[in-house]
Amino acid sequence: MPIKYKIDILAALKEKGYSQNRIRNEKLIGQSYLTQLRHGELVSWKTIEIICSLLNCQPGDIIEYIEPAPDGAEREENEN
């Protein structure tokens, strides 16, 4: 996947005082999106917007584009 998180989103939120319980109780981010974040999966732009608001950052501070490897190199990595 060419877009990845630069930081551990949940850890960064926790540092700012947003535990998973607080996020759920205040209905800031839905449980399914919290699960996606926990597994390093991408979330919706709306969720990215909320995260940026809570962390006072820009999307580029938390996600990055990584150039995909050539087909041959990608297959070799997956085989190992």
N, C-alpha and C. Protein backbone atom coordinates (compact mmCIF):
# COMPACT_ATOMS: atom_id res chain seq x y z
N MET A 1 0.85 -1.17 0.00
CA MET A 1 0.00 0.00 0.00
C MET A 1 0.90 1.24 0.00
N PRO A 2 0.77 2.11 -0.98
CA PRO A 2 1.69 3.24 -1.10
C PRO A 2 1.47 4.38 -0.10
N ILE A 3 0.34 4.43 0.59
CA ILE A 3 0.14 5.47 1.60
C ILE A 3 0.19 4.80 2.96
N LYS A 4 1.06 5.35 3.83
CA LYS A 4 1.26 4.78 5.16
C LYS A 4 1.26 5.87 6.20
N TYR A 5 1.04 5.47 7.44
CA TYR A 5 1.12 6.41 8.55
C TYR A 5 2.58 6.64 8.93
N LYS A 6 2.92 7.89 9.18
CA LYS A 6 4.27 8.23 9.62
C LYS A 6 4.44 8.00 11.12
N ILE A 7 3.33 8.10 11.84
CA ILE A 7 3.36 8.01 13.30
C ILE A 7 2.34 6.99 13.77
N ASP A 8 2.45 6.60 15.03
CA ASP A 8 1.43 5.76 15.66
C ASP A 8 0.32 6.72 16.11
N ILE A 9 -0.75 6.75 15.35
CA ILE A 9 -1.85 7.70 15.58
C ILE A 9 -2.42 7.56 16.99
N LEU A 10 -2.71 6.34 17.41
CA LEU A 10 -3.32 6.14 18.72
C LEU A 10 -2.40 6.57 19.85
N ALA A 11 -1.10 6.34 19.71
CA ALA A 11 -0.13 6.77 20.72
C ALA A 11 -0.07 8.30 20.77
N ALA A 12 -0.09 8.93 19.59
CA ALA A 12 -0.05 10.39 19.53
C ALA A 12 -1.30 11.00 20.16
N LEU A 13 -2.45 10.39 19.91
CA LEU A 13 -3.69 10.87 20.52
C LEU A 13 -3.64 10.70 22.04
N LYS A 14 -3.13 9.57 22.48
CA LYS A 14 -3.02 9.32 23.92
C LYS A 14 -2.12 10.35 24.60
N GLU A 15 -1.02 10.71 23.94
CA GLU A 15 -0.11 11.73 24.47
C GLU A 15 -0.82 13.07 24.66
N LYS A 16 -1.80 13.34 23.78
CA LYS A 16 -2.56 14.59 23.85
C LYS A 16 -3.75 14.49 24.80
N GLY A 17 -3.88 13.33 25.47
CA GLY A 17 -4.96 13.16 26.43
C GLY A 17 -6.21 12.50 25.89
N TYR A 18 -6.12 11.95 24.69
CA TYR A 18 -7.27 11.30 24.08
C TYR A 18 -7.10 9.79 24.11
N SER A 19 -7.49 9.17 25.21
CA SER A 19 -7.44 7.71 25.31
C SER A 19 -8.55 7.14 24.42
N GLN A 20 -8.47 5.86 24.12
CA GLN A 20 -9.51 5.24 23.30
C GLN A 20 -10.87 5.34 23.98
N ASN A 21 -10.90 5.21 25.31
CA ASN A 21 -12.17 5.35 26.03
C ASN A 21 -12.75 6.75 25.87
N ARG A 22 -11.90 7.76 26.01
CA ARG A 22 -12.37 9.14 25.86
C ARG A 22 -12.87 9.38 24.44
N ILE A 23 -12.13 8.88 23.46
CA ILE A 23 -12.54 9.05 22.06
C ILE A 23 -13.90 8.42 21.82
N ARG A 24 -14.12 7.23 22.37
CA ARG A 24 -15.42 6.55 22.22
C ARG A 24 -16.50 7.30 22.98
N ASN A 25 -16.23 7.65 24.25
CA ASN A 25 -17.25 8.31 25.07
C ASN A 25 -17.68 9.66 24.51
N GLU A 26 -16.73 10.40 23.95
CA GLU A 26 -17.04 11.71 23.38
C GLU A 26 -17.46 11.61 21.92
N LYS A 27 -17.51 10.37 21.41
CA LYS A 27 -17.92 10.08 20.02
C LYS A 27 -17.14 10.91 19.01
N LEU A 28 -15.82 10.96 19.21
CA LEU A 28 -14.94 11.69 18.30
C LEU A 28 -14.62 10.88 17.06
N ILE A 29 -14.32 9.60 17.27
CA ILE A 29 -13.99 8.67 16.18
C ILE A 29 -14.72 7.35 16.49
N GLY A 30 -15.36 6.78 15.48
CA GLY A 30 -16.11 5.54 15.67
C GLY A 30 -15.21 4.35 15.97
N GLN A 31 -15.80 3.34 16.59
CA GLN A 31 -15.07 2.13 16.98
C GLN A 31 -14.42 1.45 15.78
N SER A 32 -15.13 1.40 14.66
CA SER A 32 -14.57 0.72 13.48
C SER A 32 -13.32 1.44 12.99
N TYR A 33 -13.30 2.77 13.06
CA TYR A 33 -12.12 3.53 12.64
C TYR A 33 -10.99 3.36 13.65
N LEU A 34 -11.31 3.25 14.92
CA LEU A 34 -10.27 2.99 15.93
C LEU A 34 -9.61 1.64 15.65
N THR A 35 -10.42 0.66 15.29
CA THR A 35 -9.89 -0.66 14.96
C THR A 35 -8.99 -0.58 13.72
N GLN A 36 -9.42 0.17 12.71
CA GLN A 36 -8.60 0.33 11.51
C GLN A 36 -7.27 0.99 11.86
N LEU A 37 -7.30 2.01 12.70
CA LEU A 37 -6.07 2.69 13.11
C LEU A 37 -5.16 1.73 13.87
N ARG A 38 -5.74 0.92 14.74
CA ARG A 38 -4.97 -0.04 15.53
C ARG A 38 -4.22 -1.01 14.62
N HIS A 39 -4.82 -1.34 13.48
CA HIS A 39 -4.21 -2.29 12.54
C HIS A 39 -3.41 -1.60 11.43
N GLY A 40 -3.24 -0.29 11.53
CA GLY A 40 -2.46 0.43 10.53
C GLY A 40 -3.16 0.60 9.20
N GLU A 41 -4.47 0.39 9.18
CA GLU A 41 -5.24 0.54 7.95
C GLU A 41 -5.65 2.00 7.77
N LEU A 42 -5.83 2.40 6.52
CA LEU A 42 -6.22 3.78 6.25
C LEU A 42 -7.68 4.00 6.61
N VAL A 43 -7.97 5.22 7.02
CA VAL A 43 -9.33 5.61 7.41
C VAL A 43 -9.84 6.69 6.46
N SER A 44 -11.07 7.11 6.65
CA SER A 44 -11.67 8.11 5.78
C SER A 44 -11.02 9.48 5.96
N TRP A 45 -11.22 10.34 4.96
CA TRP A 45 -10.68 11.70 5.05
C TRP A 45 -11.32 12.46 6.20
N LYS A 46 -12.57 12.19 6.49
CA LYS A 46 -13.24 12.83 7.63
C LYS A 46 -12.53 12.47 8.92
N THR A 47 -12.15 11.21 9.08
CA THR A 47 -11.43 10.77 10.27
C THR A 47 -10.05 11.41 10.32
N ILE A 48 -9.37 11.51 9.18
CA ILE A 48 -8.07 12.18 9.12
C ILE A 48 -8.25 13.64 9.56
N GLU A 49 -9.32 14.27 9.12
CA GLU A 49 -9.62 15.65 9.50
C GLU A 49 -9.77 15.78 11.01
N ILE A 50 -10.49 14.86 11.62
CA ILE A 50 -10.69 14.87 13.08
C ILE A 50 -9.35 14.66 13.80
N ILE A 51 -8.56 13.69 13.32
CA ILE A 51 -7.25 13.42 13.93
C ILE A 51 -6.37 14.66 13.86
N CYS A 52 -6.35 15.31 12.69
CA CYS A 52 -5.54 16.52 12.53
C CYS A 52 -6.01 17.62 13.48
N SER A 53 -7.30 17.73 13.66
CA SER A 53 -7.84 18.73 14.58
C SER A 53 -7.41 18.43 16.01
N LEU A 54 -7.52 17.17 16.42
CA LEU A 54 -7.16 16.78 17.79
C LEU A 54 -5.66 16.92 18.05
N LEU A 55 -4.84 16.61 17.04
CA LEU A 55 -3.39 16.66 17.19
C LEU A 55 -2.80 18.02 16.78
N ASN A 56 -3.67 18.90 16.26
CA ASN A 56 -3.22 20.21 15.78
C ASN A 56 -2.08 20.06 14.77
N CYS A 57 -2.35 19.28 13.71
CA CYS A 57 -1.34 19.02 12.70
C CYS A 57 -1.97 19.00 11.32
N GLN A 58 -1.15 18.79 10.30
CA GLN A 58 -1.59 18.69 8.91
C GLN A 58 -1.58 17.21 8.49
N PRO A 59 -2.40 16.84 7.49
CA PRO A 59 -2.40 15.44 7.04
C PRO A 59 -1.00 14.93 6.68
N GLY A 60 -0.16 15.78 6.10
CA GLY A 60 1.19 15.38 5.74
C GLY A 60 2.07 15.07 6.94
N ASP A 61 1.65 15.49 8.12
CA ASP A 61 2.39 15.18 9.34
C ASP A 61 2.14 13.75 9.81
N ILE A 62 1.03 13.15 9.33
CA ILE A 62 0.68 11.82 9.83
C ILE A 62 0.65 10.73 8.77
N ILE A 63 0.55 11.12 7.49
CA ILE A 63 0.56 10.12 6.42
C ILE A 63 1.60 10.50 5.38
N GLU A 64 2.08 9.49 4.65
CA GLU A 64 3.05 9.73 3.59
C GLU A 64 2.82 8.77 2.44
N TYR A 65 3.25 9.19 1.27
CA TYR A 65 3.20 8.36 0.07
C TYR A 65 4.57 7.73 -0.12
N ILE A 66 4.58 6.44 -0.30
CA ILE A 66 5.82 5.71 -0.55
C ILE A 66 5.72 5.10 -1.94
N GLU A 67 6.70 5.44 -2.75
CA GLU A 67 6.73 4.94 -4.14
C GLU A 67 6.70 3.40 -4.13
N PRO A 68 5.75 2.80 -4.85
CA PRO A 68 5.71 1.33 -4.91
C PRO A 68 6.98 0.77 -5.53
N ALA A 69 7.40 -0.38 -5.04
CA ALA A 69 8.57 -1.06 -5.58
C ALA A 69 8.22 -1.66 -6.94
N PRO A 70 9.22 -1.85 -7.80
CA PRO A 70 8.95 -2.54 -9.07
C PRO A 70 8.35 -3.92 -8.79
N ASP A 71 7.57 -4.43 -9.74
CA ASP A 71 6.87 -5.71 -9.54
C ASP A 71 7.78 -6.83 -9.06
N GLY A 72 8.93 -6.98 -9.64
CA GLY A 72 9.84 -8.06 -9.25
C GLY A 72 10.30 -7.92 -7.81
N ALA A 73 10.65 -6.73 -7.38
CA ALA A 73 11.14 -6.53 -6.01
C ALA A 73 10.03 -6.75 -5.01
N GLU A 74 8.82 -6.35 -5.36
CA GLU A 74 7.70 -6.52 -4.45
C GLU A 74 7.41 -8.02 -4.23
N ARG A 75 7.45 -8.77 -5.30
CA ARG A 75 7.20 -10.21 -5.17
C ARG A 75 8.26 -10.89 -4.32
N GLU A 76 9.51 -10.50 -4.49
CA GLU A 76 10.59 -11.09 -3.70
C GLU A 76 10.40 -10.81 -2.21
N GLU A 77 9.97 -9.59 -1.86
CA GLU A 77 9.75 -9.25 -0.45
C GLU A 77 8.63 -10.09 0.13
N ASN A 78 7.56 -10.29 -0.64
CA ASN A 78 6.41 -11.05 -0.15
C ASN A 78 6.74 -12.53 0.01
N GLU A 79 7.70 -13.04 -0.76
CA GLU A 79 8.06 -14.45 -0.66
C GLU A 79 8.89 -14.74 0.58
N ASN A 80 9.62 -13.75 1.09
CA ASN A 80 10.50 -13.95 2.26
C ASN A 80 9.76 -13.87 3.52
